[in-house]
Amino acid sequence: MSFSQDIKKELMGEIPKPRHCIIAELAALTFTLGKWGEKGFYIESENEELKRKFFTLLNKTITISEYDDVLSKEAVEELFEVLKVKDNTFEMNGLLIQQPCCKKAFIRGIFLTSGSVSDPWKGYHFETALSNESLAKSVREVICSFGIDAKMVERKQQTVVYVKESNQIEDLLALMGANVAYLKFENVRIEKEMRNSINRQVNCETANITKTVSAAVRQIEDIRLIEETRGLSSLPKNLQEIAVLRKEHPDMALKDLGNLMDPPVGKSGVNHRLRRIGEIAKSIRN
């Protein structure tokens, strides 16, 4: 089962208690699943659990005598009156989603029919794909009303509303009531951030080690060049001392080399002496 399916399974059992929230979620299901056929208005979905949720919300909103795929004319008229549908056009009326709780129910309904969230191990992406552009604009406005940066794009005759930021996707999961999915998503995000942090630290340390080793190899080459051409005795005593120590301890850090000197010298002092040796070796090569 995919991550999106897990979320939808969790949300399927979320039934709002206030009537205004029931209507908001019912509107989302009706506007995305509702179809007109030869026999009348019906709900088109292969997901029987989703259809059952529609009829559960419907039964809490209007009076229906039986659960038939095709609604009676009276039921459709009553439903459309409740949802403030005009001329059989499915456009979300702002009066149905004035309160934050209603907006959350509306987002949940839209996600159940048209939404998806990518596996957080693979990436961060939340989207709803709708054939109704007007409805998609309403979805984007509702999501943005919670401070979430939702964007919109056209894709294969559908209008896609999407969110890319991981923390904002977490907010959406919480808003819809997918608390289990929220915790799972957050745990994955935290683990990924920890892994990335460790990898960056390891890469940084590896780069520093490589840099240190390369510098030590170059220093020893310079010292040997001076030794073979002029002799280390040609160097000032402070440079002779550090040259001998570097040859004896090729892998030692500059700070530790400085502690071996008499008197001890700081890291910057050691670096200065080795740099002077490098300049002498460079003049010999030239």
C-alpha atoms as a PDB file:
ATOM      1  CA  MET A   1       0.000   0.000   0.000  1.00  0.00           C
ATOM      2  CA  SER A   2       1.359   3.412  -1.002  1.00  0.00           C
ATOM      3  CA  PHE A   3       1.789   6.337   1.365  1.00  0.00           C
ATOM      4  CA  SER A   4      -1.173   8.109  -0.278  1.00  0.00           C
ATOM      5  CA  GLN A   5      -3.358   5.035   0.182  1.00  0.00           C
ATOM      6  CA  ASP A   6      -2.390   4.860   3.843  1.00  0.00           C
ATOM      7  CA  ILE A   7      -3.438   8.490   4.296  1.00  0.00           C
ATOM      8  CA  LYS A   8      -6.760   7.968   2.532  1.00  0.00           C
ATOM      9  CA  LYS A   9      -7.484   4.858   4.562  1.00  0.00           C
ATOM     10  CA  GLU A  10      -6.926   6.878   7.720  1.00  0.00           C
ATOM     11  CA  LEU A  11      -9.062   9.796   6.511  1.00  0.00           C
ATOM     12  CA  MET A  12     -11.917   7.600   5.302  1.00  0.00           C
ATOM     13  CA  GLY A  13     -13.089   7.115   8.873  1.00  0.00           C
ATOM     14  CA  GLU A  14     -13.026  10.840   9.676  1.00  0.00           C
ATOM     15  CA  ILE A  15     -16.669  11.956   9.810  1.00  0.00           C
ATOM     16  CA  PRO A  16     -17.207  15.586  10.901  1.00  0.00           C
ATOM     17  CA  LYS A  17     -19.702  16.238  13.675  1.00  0.00           C
ATOM     18  CA  PRO A  18     -20.875  19.810  12.933  1.00  0.00           C
ATOM     19  CA  ARG A  19     -23.371  19.968  10.094  1.00  0.00           C
ATOM     20  CA  HIS A  20     -21.533  22.827   8.369  1.00  0.00           C
ATOM     21  CA  CYS A  21     -18.338  20.710   8.215  1.00  0.00           C
ATOM     22  CA  ILE A  22     -20.299  17.715   6.894  1.00  0.00           C
ATOM     23  CA  ILE A  23     -21.670  19.929   4.120  1.00  0.00           C
ATOM     24  CA  ALA A  24     -18.189  21.240   3.251  1.00  0.00           C
ATOM     25  CA  GLU A  25     -16.744  17.740   2.860  1.00  0.00           C
ATOM     26  CA  LEU A  26     -19.875  16.538   1.064  1.00  0.00           C
ATOM     27  CA  ALA A  27     -19.454  19.393  -1.414  1.00  0.00           C
ATOM     28  CA  ALA A  28     -15.888  18.274  -2.141  1.00  0.00           C
ATOM     29  CA  LEU A  29     -17.021  14.688  -2.819  1.00  0.00           C
ATOM     30  CA  THR A  30     -20.051  15.755  -4.862  1.00  0.00           C
ATOM     31  CA  PHE A  31     -18.131  18.217  -7.060  1.00  0.00           C
ATOM     32  CA  THR A  32     -15.365  15.717  -7.852  1.00  0.00           C
ATOM     33  CA  LEU A  33     -17.319  12.440  -8.100  1.00  0.00           C
ATOM     34  CA  GLY A  34     -20.739  13.644  -9.233  1.00  0.00           C
ATOM     35  CA  LYS A  35     -21.771  12.833 -12.813  1.00  0.00           C
ATOM     36  CA  TRP A  36     -24.873  13.236 -14.944  1.00  0.00           C
ATOM     37  CA  GLY A  37     -26.029  10.154 -16.842  1.00  0.00           C
ATOM     38  CA  GLU A  38     -29.065   9.001 -18.785  1.00  0.00           C
ATOM     39  CA  LYS A  39     -30.799   7.904 -15.594  1.00  0.00           C
ATOM     40  CA  GLY A  40     -29.856  10.988 -13.596  1.00  0.00           C
ATOM     41  CA  PHE A  41     -27.202  12.145 -11.154  1.00  0.00           C
ATOM     42  CA  TYR A  42     -24.824   9.550  -9.704  1.00  0.00           C
ATOM     43  CA  ILE A  43     -21.467   9.167  -7.954  1.00  0.00           C
ATOM     44  CA  GLU A  44     -18.702   7.752 -10.151  1.00  0.00           C
ATOM     45  CA  SER A  45     -15.984   5.896  -8.235  1.00  0.00           C
ATOM     46  CA  GLU A  46     -14.542   2.397  -8.162  1.00  0.00           C
ATOM     47  CA  ASN A  47     -13.740   2.884  -4.491  1.00  0.00           C
ATOM     48  CA  GLU A  48     -16.711   1.424  -2.640  1.00  0.00           C
ATOM     49  CA  GLU A  49     -15.451   2.739   0.691  1.00  0.00           C
ATOM     50  CA  LEU A  50     -15.352   6.259  -0.703  1.00  0.00           C
ATOM     51  CA  LYS A  51     -18.884   5.888  -2.074  1.00  0.00           C
ATOM     52  CA  ARG A  52     -20.055   4.686   1.334  1.00  0.00           C
ATOM     53  CA  LYS A  53     -18.536   7.755   2.929  1.00  0.00           C
ATOM     54  CA  PHE A  54     -20.376   9.959   0.442  1.00  0.00           C
ATOM     55  CA  PHE A  55     -23.702   8.366   1.339  1.00  0.00           C
ATOM     56  CA  THR A  56     -22.897   8.578   5.059  1.00  0.00           C
ATOM     57  CA  LEU A  57     -22.342  12.332   4.721  1.00  0.00           C
ATOM     58  CA  LEU A  58     -25.345  12.628   2.441  1.00  0.00           C
ATOM     59  CA  ASN A  59     -27.600  10.828   4.933  1.00  0.00           C
ATOM     60  CA  LYS A  60     -26.504  13.263   7.638  1.00  0.00           C
ATOM     61  CA  THR A  61     -27.381  16.193   5.380  1.00  0.00           C
ATOM     62  CA  ILE A  62     -30.617  15.353   3.553  1.00  0.00           C
ATOM     63  CA  THR A  63     -33.337  12.723   3.758  1.00  0.00           C
ATOM     64  CA  ILE A  64     -32.736   9.751   1.474  1.00  0.00           C
ATOM     65  CA  SER A  65     -34.810   6.596   1.394  1.00  0.00           C
ATOM     66  CA  GLU A  66     -32.311   4.232  -0.193  1.00  0.00           C
ATOM     67  CA  TYR A  67     -28.646   3.954  -1.092  1.00  0.00           C
ATOM     68  CA  ASP A  68     -28.766   3.793  -4.859  1.00  0.00           C
ATOM     69  CA  ASP A  69     -25.936   4.805  -7.189  1.00  0.00           C
ATOM     70  CA  VAL A  70     -28.349   7.124  -8.977  1.00  0.00           C
ATOM     71  CA  LEU A  71     -29.960   9.720  -6.729  1.00  0.00           C
ATOM     72  CA  SER A  72     -33.653  10.480  -7.033  1.00  0.00           C
ATOM     73  CA  LYS A  73     -34.690  13.787  -8.520  1.00  0.00           C
ATOM     74  CA  GLU A  74     -35.892  14.961  -5.111  1.00  0.00           C
ATOM     75  CA  ALA A  75     -32.599  14.009  -3.446  1.00  0.00           C
ATOM     76  CA  VAL A  76     -30.575  15.835  -6.103  1.00  0.00           C
ATOM     77  CA  GLU A  77     -32.696  18.961  -5.745  1.00  0.00           C
ATOM     78  CA  GLU A  78     -32.330  18.939  -1.963  1.00  0.00           C
ATOM     79  CA  LEU A  79     -28.587  18.230  -2.169  1.00  0.00           C
ATOM     80  CA  PHE A  80     -27.952  20.983  -4.700  1.00  0.00           C
ATOM     81  CA  GLU A  81     -29.942  23.409  -2.584  1.00  0.00           C
ATOM     82  CA  VAL A  82     -27.804  22.598   0.449  1.00  0.00           C
ATOM     83  CA  LEU A  83     -24.580  22.899  -1.597  1.00  0.00           C
ATOM     84  CA  LYS A  84     -25.826  26.124  -3.217  1.00  0.00           C
ATOM     85  CA  VAL A  85     -25.393  24.709  -6.729  1.00  0.00           C
ATOM     86  CA  LYS A  86     -26.741  26.942  -9.496  1.00  0.00           C
ATOM     87  CA  ASP A  87     -27.504  25.781 -13.032  1.00  0.00           C
ATOM     88  CA  ASN A  88     -25.906  22.393 -12.252  1.00  0.00           C
ATOM     89  CA  THR A  89     -22.492  24.104 -12.234  1.00  0.00           C
ATOM     90  CA  PHE A  90     -20.082  22.779  -9.645  1.00  0.00           C
ATOM     91  CA  GLU A  91     -18.483  25.913  -8.236  1.00  0.00           C
ATOM     92  CA  MET A  92     -17.638  26.121  -4.561  1.00  0.00           C
ATOM     93  CA  ASN A  93     -19.710  28.735  -2.758  1.00  0.00           C
ATOM     94  CA  GLY A  94     -17.584  30.607  -0.233  1.00  0.00           C
ATOM     95  CA  LEU A  95     -20.458  30.573   2.254  1.00  0.00           C
ATOM     96  CA  LEU A  96     -19.914  26.813   2.724  1.00  0.00           C
ATOM     97  CA  ILE A  97     -16.291  27.190   3.842  1.00  0.00           C
ATOM     98  CA  GLN A  98     -16.191  30.320   5.957  1.00  0.00           C
ATOM     99  CA  GLN A  99     -14.854  28.668   9.120  1.00  0.00           C
ATOM    100  CA  PRO A 100     -11.423  26.996   9.451  1.00  0.00           C
ATOM    101  CA  CYS A 101     -13.017  23.659  10.439  1.00  0.00           C
ATOM    102  CA  CYS A 102     -15.121  23.682   7.260  1.00  0.00           C
ATOM    103  CA  LYS A 103     -12.052  24.462   5.164  1.00  0.00           C
ATOM    104  CA  LYS A 104     -10.238  21.491   6.693  1.00  0.00           C
ATOM    105  CA  ALA A 105     -13.178  19.202   5.917  1.00  0.00           C
ATOM    106  CA  PHE A 106     -13.269  20.525   2.358  1.00  0.00           C
ATOM    107  CA  ILE A 107      -9.534  19.860   1.833  1.00  0.00           C
ATOM    108  CA  ARG A 108      -9.971  16.352   3.251  1.00  0.00           C
ATOM    109  CA  GLY A 109     -12.804  15.602   0.816  1.00  0.00           C
ATOM    110  CA  ILE A 110     -10.834  16.889  -2.165  1.00  0.00           C
ATOM    111  CA  PHE A 111      -7.789  14.844  -1.173  1.00  0.00           C
ATOM    112  CA  LEU A 112      -9.817  11.653  -0.792  1.00  0.00           C
ATOM    113  CA  THR A 113     -11.060  11.912  -4.377  1.00  0.00           C
ATOM    114  CA  SER A 114      -8.228  13.639  -6.220  1.00  0.00           C
ATOM    115  CA  GLY A 115      -5.144  13.922  -4.013  1.00  0.00           C
ATOM    116  CA  SER A 116      -1.820  12.219  -3.528  1.00  0.00           C
ATOM    117  CA  VAL A 117       1.314  12.573  -1.400  1.00  0.00           C
ATOM    118  CA  SER A 118       4.620  11.104  -2.519  1.00  0.00           C
ATOM    119  CA  ASP A 119       6.521   8.709  -0.274  1.00  0.00           C
ATOM    120  CA  PRO A 120       8.592  11.033   1.967  1.00  0.00           C
ATOM    121  CA  TRP A 121      11.619   8.748   1.521  1.00  0.00           C
ATOM    122  CA  LYS A 122      11.557   9.571  -2.200  1.00  0.00           C
ATOM    123  CA  GLY A 123      10.609  13.241  -2.083  1.00  0.00           C
ATOM    124  CA  TYR A 124       8.164  15.846  -0.849  1.00  0.00           C
ATOM    125  CA  HIS A 125       5.127  16.460  -3.047  1.00  0.00           C
ATOM    126  CA  PHE A 126       1.437  16.978  -2.288  1.00  0.00           C
ATOM    127  CA  GLU A 127      -1.067  17.512  -5.079  1.00  0.00           C
ATOM    128  CA  THR A 128      -4.691  17.408  -6.131  1.00  0.00           C
ATOM    129  CA  ALA A 129      -5.525  16.963  -9.823  1.00  0.00           C
ATOM    130  CA  LEU A 130      -8.927  18.289 -10.855  1.00  0.00           C
ATOM    131  CA  SER A 131     -10.701  18.586 -14.202  1.00  0.00           C
ATOM    132  CA  ASN A 132     -12.737  21.499 -12.823  1.00  0.00           C
ATOM    133  CA  GLU A 133     -10.504  24.595 -12.977  1.00  0.00           C
ATOM    134  CA  SER A 134     -12.882  26.706 -10.902  1.00  0.00           C
ATOM    135  CA  LEU A 135     -12.886  24.082  -8.159  1.00  0.00           C
ATOM    136  CA  ALA A 136      -9.079  23.851  -8.324  1.00  0.00           C
ATOM    137  CA  LYS A 137      -8.834  27.607  -7.760  1.00  0.00           C
ATOM    138  CA  SER A 138     -11.077  27.255  -4.709  1.00  0.00           C
ATOM    139  CA  VAL A 139      -8.856  24.453  -3.383  1.00  0.00           C
ATOM    140  CA  ARG A 140      -5.751  26.593  -3.805  1.00  0.00           C
ATOM    141  CA  GLU A 141      -7.384  29.572  -2.067  1.00  0.00           C
ATOM    142  CA  VAL A 142      -8.471  27.415   0.873  1.00  0.00           C
ATOM    143  CA  ILE A 143      -5.013  25.859   1.271  1.00  0.00           C
ATOM    144  CA  CYS A 144      -3.325  29.271   1.026  1.00  0.00           C
ATOM    145  CA  SER A 145      -5.676  30.624   3.714  1.00  0.00           C
ATOM    146  CA  PHE A 146      -3.739  28.470   6.205  1.00  0.00           C
ATOM    147  CA  GLY A 147      -0.436  30.130   5.270  1.00  0.00           C
ATOM    148  CA  ILE A 148       0.600  27.279   2.964  1.00  0.00           C
ATOM    149  CA  ASP A 149       2.227  28.191  -0.347  1.00  0.00           C
ATOM    150  CA  ALA A 150       0.117  26.170  -2.796  1.00  0.00           C
ATOM    151  CA  LYS A 151       0.816  26.574  -6.505  1.00  0.00           C
ATOM    152  CA  MET A 152      -1.236  25.684  -9.560  1.00  0.00           C
ATOM    153  CA  VAL A 153      -0.293  24.259 -12.971  1.00  0.00           C
ATOM    154  CA  GLU A 154      -2.103  22.774 -15.978  1.00  0.00           C
ATOM    155  CA  ARG A 155      -1.342  19.127 -16.771  1.00  0.00           C
ATOM    156  CA  LYS A 156      -3.098  16.944 -19.356  1.00  0.00           C
ATOM    157  CA  GLN A 157      -6.409  18.830 -19.288  1.00  0.00           C
ATOM    158  CA  GLN A 158      -6.340  18.907 -15.496  1.00  0.00           C
ATOM    159  CA  THR A 159      -5.564  21.689 -13.069  1.00  0.00           C
ATOM    160  CA  VAL A 160      -3.062  20.557 -10.461  1.00  0.00           C
ATOM    161  CA  VAL A 161      -2.731  22.263  -7.096  1.00  0.00           C
ATOM    162  CA  TYR A 162       0.531  21.276  -5.434  1.00  0.00           C
ATOM    163  CA  VAL A 163       2.751  21.906  -2.407  1.00  0.00           C
ATOM    164  CA  LYS A 164       6.479  21.092  -2.271  1.00  0.00           C
ATOM    165  CA  GLU A 165       7.719  22.210   1.158  1.00  0.00           C
ATOM    166  CA  SER A 166       7.974  19.309   3.612  1.00  0.00           C
ATOM    167  CA  ASN A 167       6.847  21.310   6.662  1.00  0.00           C
ATOM    168  CA  GLN A 168       3.821  22.630   4.745  1.00  0.00           C
ATOM    169  CA  ILE A 169       2.857  19.121   3.635  1.00  0.00           C
ATOM    170  CA  GLU A 170       2.994  18.138   7.303  1.00  0.00           C
ATOM    171  CA  ASP A 171       0.658  21.046   8.060  1.00  0.00           C
ATOM    172  CA  LEU A 172      -1.770  19.792   5.401  1.00  0.00           C
ATOM    173  CA  LEU A 173      -1.759  16.276   6.831  1.00  0.00           C
ATOM    174  CA  ALA A 174      -2.534  17.693  10.261  1.00  0.00           C
ATOM    175  CA  LEU A 175      -5.273  19.958   8.868  1.00  0.00           C
ATOM    176  CA  MET A 176      -6.989  17.018   7.177  1.00  0.00           C
ATOM    177  CA  GLY A 177      -6.847  14.954  10.379  1.00  0.00           C
ATOM    178  CA  ALA A 178      -4.281  12.410   9.167  1.00  0.00           C
ATOM    179  CA  ASN A 179      -2.412  12.328  12.474  1.00  0.00           C
ATOM    180  CA  VAL A 180      -0.800   8.905  11.991  1.00  0.00           C
ATOM    181  CA  ALA A 181       0.468   9.886   8.534  1.00  0.00           C
ATOM    182  CA  TYR A 182       1.663  13.207   9.952  1.00  0.00           C
ATOM    183  CA  LEU A 183       3.826  11.473  12.567  1.00  0.00           C
ATOM    184  CA  LYS A 184       5.192   9.013  10.009  1.00  0.00           C
ATOM    185  CA  PHE A 185       6.013  11.830   7.583  1.00  0.00           C
ATOM    186  CA  GLU A 186       7.701  13.879  10.311  1.00  0.00           C
ATOM    187  CA  ASN A 187       9.788  10.910  11.503  1.00  0.00           C
ATOM    188  CA  VAL A 188      11.008  10.253   7.954  1.00  0.00           C
ATOM    189  CA  ARG A 189      11.814  13.931   7.419  1.00  0.00           C
ATOM    190  CA  ILE A 190      13.787  14.150  10.670  1.00  0.00           C
ATOM    191  CA  GLU A 191      15.698  10.941   9.895  1.00  0.00           C
ATOM    192  CA  LYS A 192      16.528  12.180   6.393  1.00  0.00           C
ATOM    193  CA  GLU A 193      17.752  15.513   7.761  1.00  0.00           C
ATOM    194  CA  MET A 194      19.930  13.705  10.318  1.00  0.00           C
ATOM    195  CA  ARG A 195      21.403  11.468   7.617  1.00  0.00           C
ATOM    196  CA  ASN A 196      22.083  14.444   5.367  1.00  0.00           C
ATOM    197  CA  SER A 197      23.704  16.301   8.254  1.00  0.00           C
ATOM    198  CA  ILE A 198      25.933  13.326   9.062  1.00  0.00           C
ATOM    199  CA  ASN A 199      26.859  12.908   5.388  1.00  0.00           C
ATOM    200  CA  ARG A 200      27.780  16.590   5.125  1.00  0.00           C
ATOM    201  CA  GLN A 201      29.882  16.315   8.262  1.00  0.00           C
ATOM    202  CA  VAL A 202      31.650  13.178   7.009  1.00  0.00           C
ATOM    203  CA  ASN A 203      32.289  14.779   3.612  1.00  0.00           C
ATOM    204  CA  CYS A 204      33.659  17.890   5.281  1.00  0.00           C
ATOM    205  CA  GLU A 205      35.945  15.859   7.533  1.00  0.00           C
ATOM    206  CA  THR A 206      37.100  13.748   4.579  1.00  0.00           C
ATOM    207  CA  ALA A 207      37.886  16.886   2.609  1.00  0.00           C
ATOM    208  CA  ASN A 208      39.846  18.314   5.549  1.00  0.00           C
ATOM    209  CA  ILE A 209      41.813  15.075   5.953  1.00  0.00           C
ATOM    210  CA  THR A 210      42.604  15.018   2.241  1.00  0.00           C
ATOM    211  CA  LYS A 211      43.711  18.626   2.382  1.00  0.00           C
ATOM    212  CA  THR A 212      45.893  17.964   5.436  1.00  0.00           C
ATOM    213  CA  VAL A 213      47.529  14.875   3.906  1.00  0.00           C
ATOM    214  CA  SER A 214      48.208  16.692   0.618  1.00  0.00           C
ATOM    215  CA  ALA A 215      49.810  19.582   2.497  1.00  0.00           C
ATOM    216  CA  ALA A 216      51.984  17.202   4.544  1.00  0.00           C
ATOM    217  CA  VAL A 217      53.163  15.368   1.399  1.00  0.00           C
ATOM    218  CA  ARG A 218      54.072  18.684  -0.245  1.00  0.00           C
ATOM    219  CA  GLN A 219      55.935  19.855   2.881  1.00  0.00           C
ATOM    220  CA  ILE A 220      58.025  16.688   3.035  1.00  0.00           C
ATOM    221  CA  GLU A 221      58.862  16.992  -0.682  1.00  0.00           C
ATOM    222  CA  ASP A 222      60.024  20.577  -0.078  1.00  0.00           C
ATOM    223  CA  ILE A 223      62.153  19.526   2.902  1.00  0.00           C
ATOM    224  CA  ARG A 224      63.786  16.689   0.954  1.00  0.00           C
ATOM    225  CA  LEU A 225      64.521  19.018  -1.976  1.00  0.00           C
ATOM    226  CA  ILE A 226      66.283  21.470   0.337  1.00  0.00           C
ATOM    227  CA  GLU A 227      68.107  18.616   2.067  1.00  0.00           C
ATOM    228  CA  GLU A 228      69.355  17.173  -1.238  1.00  0.00           C
ATOM    229  CA  THR A 229      70.396  20.507  -2.787  1.00  0.00           C
ATOM    230  CA  ARG A 230      71.540  22.846  -0.018  1.00  0.00           C
ATOM    231  CA  GLY A 231      71.270  20.720   3.113  1.00  0.00           C
ATOM    232  CA  LEU A 232      69.016  21.449   6.065  1.00  0.00           C
ATOM    233  CA  SER A 233      71.938  23.153   7.810  1.00  0.00           C
ATOM    234  CA  SER A 234      71.483  26.039   5.365  1.00  0.00           C
ATOM    235  CA  LEU A 235      68.173  26.818   7.027  1.00  0.00           C
ATOM    236  CA  PRO A 236      67.764  29.021  10.117  1.00  0.00           C
ATOM    237  CA  LYS A 237      67.611  26.965  13.331  1.00  0.00           C
ATOM    238  CA  ASN A 238      63.851  27.436  13.798  1.00  0.00           C
ATOM    239  CA  LEU A 239      63.244  26.125  10.264  1.00  0.00           C
ATOM    240  CA  GLN A 240      65.694  23.269  10.743  1.00  0.00           C
ATOM    241  CA  GLU A 241      63.810  22.179  13.854  1.00  0.00           C
ATOM    242  CA  ILE A 242      60.399  22.092  12.182  1.00  0.00           C
ATOM    243  CA  ALA A 243      61.839  20.416   9.058  1.00  0.00           C
ATOM    244  CA  VAL A 244      63.278  17.554  11.125  1.00  0.00           C
ATOM    245  CA  LEU A 245      60.040  17.163  13.112  1.00  0.00           C
ATOM    246  CA  ARG A 246      57.936  17.084   9.955  1.00  0.00           C
ATOM    247  CA  LYS A 247      60.131  14.356   8.453  1.00  0.00           C
ATOM    248  CA  GLU A 248      59.901  12.298  11.649  1.00  0.00           C
ATOM    249  CA  HIS A 249      56.126  12.808  11.979  1.00  0.00           C
ATOM    250  CA  PRO A 250      54.649  13.061   8.454  1.00  0.00           C
ATOM    251  CA  ASP A 251      51.045  12.456   9.625  1.00  0.00           C
ATOM    252  CA  MET A 252      51.049  14.713  12.675  1.00  0.00           C
ATOM    253  CA  ALA A 253      48.784  17.754  12.859  1.00  0.00           C
ATOM    254  CA  LEU A 254      50.413  21.202  12.947  1.00  0.00           C
ATOM    255  CA  LYS A 255      49.255  21.851  16.505  1.00  0.00           C
ATOM    256  CA  ASP A 256      50.881  18.631  17.734  1.00  0.00           C
ATOM    257  CA  LEU A 257      54.095  19.407  15.820  1.00  0.00           C
ATOM    258  CA  GLY A 258      54.230  22.764  17.569  1.00  0.00           C
ATOM    259  CA  ASN A 259      53.959  21.079  20.976  1.00  0.00           C
ATOM    260  CA  LEU A 260      57.102  19.042  20.190  1.00  0.00           C
ATOM    261  CA  MET A 261      59.187  22.154  19.590  1.00  0.00           C
ATOM    262  CA  ASP A 262      61.360  23.748  22.248  1.00  0.00           C
ATOM    263  CA  PRO A 263      59.849  26.042  23.305  1.00  0.00           C
ATOM    264  CA  PRO A 264      56.379  24.975  22.033  1.00  0.00           C
ATOM    265  CA  VAL A 265      54.970  26.947  19.106  1.00  0.00           C
ATOM    266  CA  GLY A 266      51.323  27.481  18.177  1.00  0.00           C
ATOM    267  CA  LYS A 267      49.659  26.154  15.051  1.00  0.00           C
ATOM    268  CA  SER A 268      50.014  29.461  13.208  1.00  0.00           C
ATOM    269  CA  GLY A 269      53.723  29.598  14.066  1.00  0.00           C
ATOM    270  CA  VAL A 270      54.287  26.098  12.694  1.00  0.00           C
ATOM    271  CA  ASN A 271      52.345  26.922   9.570  1.00  0.00           C
ATOM    272  CA  HIS A 272      54.403  30.079   9.079  1.00  0.00           C
ATOM    273  CA  ARG A 273      57.693  28.140   9.304  1.00  0.00           C
ATOM    274  CA  LEU A 274      56.543  25.447   6.893  1.00  0.00           C
ATOM    275  CA  ARG A 275      55.357  28.125   4.481  1.00  0.00           C
ATOM    276  CA  ARG A 276      58.821  29.711   4.577  1.00  0.00           C
ATOM    277  CA  ILE A 277      60.346  26.305   3.821  1.00  0.00           C
ATOM    278  CA  GLY A 278      57.959  26.008   0.887  1.00  0.00           C
ATOM    279  CA  GLU A 279      59.068  29.386  -0.449  1.00  0.00           C
ATOM    280  CA  ILE A 280      62.720  28.339  -0.241  1.00  0.00           C
ATOM    281  CA  ALA A 281      61.966  25.085  -2.073  1.00  0.00           C
ATOM    282  CA  LYS A 282      60.077  27.044  -4.736  1.00  0.00           C
ATOM    283  CA  SER A 283      63.083  29.327  -5.309  1.00  0.00           C
ATOM    284  CA  ILE A 284      65.288  26.243  -5.720  1.00  0.00           C
ATOM    285  CA  ARG A 285      62.923  24.765  -8.310  1.00  0.00           C
ATOM    286  CA  ASN A 286      62.832  28.031 -10.213  1.00  0.00           C
END
